[in-house]
Amino acid sequence: MADELLLTISKDDIERAHYRSRRLFEMDRQSEIALATRVGEQRGEQRGIHIGEQRGIQVGRIAAAIDAIRAGITSPIAIAAIAGITEDQAVSLIQEHKQNP
């Protein structure tokens, strides 16, 4: 009888230890997922900011080129230098402006 009680207690201890081990594993896994989510969100936010900045810069350059064209500058080389765009882009903008002044 004492042996049976000892076996029962030992089995309960082992089961409790297994339960605790599984629970710790699950908690660690949830923490890892939460951390990975935060890191992914931060990277996505930084990437979005970078893309937005690049688009803003490009819009600003195009606006500067259009201002130069409206001011009467017709040289693609000059417009490209003023606005920081390529000569091909300047030519395209000049042509667009001629069609839609």
Protein backbone atom coordinates (compact mmCIF):
# COMPACT_ATOMS: atom_id res chain seq x y z
CA MET A 1 0.00 0.00 0.00
CA ALA A 2 2.79 2.44 0.84
CA ASP A 3 4.55 1.33 -2.33
CA GLU A 4 1.43 2.06 -4.40
CA LEU A 5 1.05 5.49 -2.79
CA LEU A 6 4.70 6.25 -3.50
CA LEU A 7 4.26 5.17 -7.14
CA THR A 8 1.16 7.38 -7.49
CA ILE A 9 2.96 10.40 -6.04
CA SER A 10 5.98 9.76 -8.27
CA LYS A 11 3.73 9.52 -11.37
CA ASP A 12 2.00 12.76 -10.38
CA ASP A 13 5.36 14.49 -10.00
CA ILE A 14 6.45 13.25 -13.41
CA GLU A 15 3.17 14.33 -15.01
CA ARG A 16 3.44 17.74 -13.32
CA ALA A 17 6.98 18.11 -14.60
CA HIS A 18 5.86 17.17 -18.14
CA TYR A 19 2.99 19.65 -17.93
CA ARG A 20 5.31 22.42 -16.72
CA SER A 21 7.81 21.60 -19.46
CA ARG A 22 5.11 21.73 -22.17
CA ARG A 23 3.70 24.95 -20.74
CA LEU A 24 7.14 26.60 -20.67
CA PHE A 25 7.73 25.48 -24.25
CA GLU A 26 4.40 26.97 -25.33
CA MET A 27 5.11 30.23 -23.52
CA ASP A 28 8.58 30.45 -25.09
CA ARG A 29 7.08 29.79 -28.51
CA GLN A 30 4.45 32.51 -28.01
CA SER A 31 7.16 34.95 -26.92
CA GLU A 32 9.23 34.12 -30.00
CA ILE A 33 6.21 34.68 -32.26
CA ALA A 34 5.41 38.00 -30.56
CA LEU A 35 9.01 39.16 -30.93
CA ALA A 36 9.16 38.10 -34.58
CA THR A 37 5.91 39.98 -35.20
CA ARG A 38 7.27 43.17 -33.60
CA VAL A 39 10.52 42.93 -35.55
CA GLY A 40 8.61 42.35 -38.80
CA GLU A 41 6.34 45.31 -38.14
CA GLN A 42 9.32 47.56 -37.39
CA ARG A 43 11.10 46.47 -40.57
CA GLY A 44 7.95 47.02 -42.60
CA GLU A 45 7.47 50.46 -41.09
CA GLN A 46 11.07 51.44 -41.84
CA ARG A 47 10.76 50.13 -45.39
CA GLY A 48 7.54 52.07 -45.88
CA ILE A 49 9.15 55.24 -44.58
CA HIS A 50 12.10 54.76 -46.93
CA ILE A 51 9.84 54.15 -49.93
CA GLY A 52 7.75 57.20 -49.05
CA GLU A 53 10.84 59.37 -48.72
CA GLN A 54 12.13 58.21 -52.10
CA ARG A 55 8.76 58.92 -53.73
CA GLY A 56 8.66 62.35 -52.10
CA ILE A 57 12.13 63.15 -53.40
CA GLN A 58 11.13 62.06 -56.91
CA VAL A 59 7.94 64.15 -56.81
CA GLY A 60 9.98 67.14 -55.66
CA ARG A 61 12.43 66.70 -58.51
CA ILE A 62 9.66 66.47 -61.08
CA ALA A 63 8.03 69.58 -59.60
CA ALA A 64 11.34 71.46 -59.83
CA ALA A 65 11.73 70.41 -63.46
CA ILE A 66 8.20 71.56 -64.29
CA ASP A 67 8.87 74.89 -62.58
CA ALA A 68 12.04 75.28 -64.66
CA ILE A 69 10.12 74.51 -67.86
CA ARG A 70 7.40 77.01 -66.92
CA ALA A 71 10.12 79.58 -66.25
CA GLY A 72 11.19 79.22 -69.88
CA ILE A 73 14.18 76.91 -69.57
CA THR A 74 14.11 74.59 -72.58
CA SER A 75 17.45 72.80 -72.40
CA PRO A 76 17.05 69.20 -71.20
CA ILE A 77 20.61 69.34 -69.84
CA ALA A 78 19.86 72.46 -67.78
CA ILE A 79 16.53 71.10 -66.52
CA ALA A 80 18.16 67.80 -65.57
CA ALA A 81 20.90 69.63 -63.67
CA ILE A 82 18.45 71.93 -61.90
CA ALA A 83 16.00 69.22 -60.89
CA GLY A 84 18.37 66.30 -60.35
CA ILE A 85 16.67 64.11 -62.95
CA THR A 86 17.96 62.38 -66.06
CA GLU A 87 18.07 64.12 -69.41
CA ASP A 88 15.58 61.56 -70.76
CA GLN A 89 13.16 62.49 -67.99
CA ALA A 90 13.69 66.17 -68.77
CA VAL A 91 12.96 65.58 -72.47
CA SER A 92 9.76 63.70 -71.57
CA LEU A 93 8.63 66.51 -69.28
CA ILE A 94 9.39 69.14 -71.92
CA GLN A 95 7.33 67.21 -74.47
CA GLU A 96 4.46 66.76 -72.00
CA HIS A 97 4.53 70.47 -71.22
CA LYS A 98 4.40 71.34 -74.93
CA GLN A 99 1.30 69.13 -75.30
CA ASN A 100 -0.34 70.33 -72.05
CA PRO A 101 1.01 73.80 -71.19
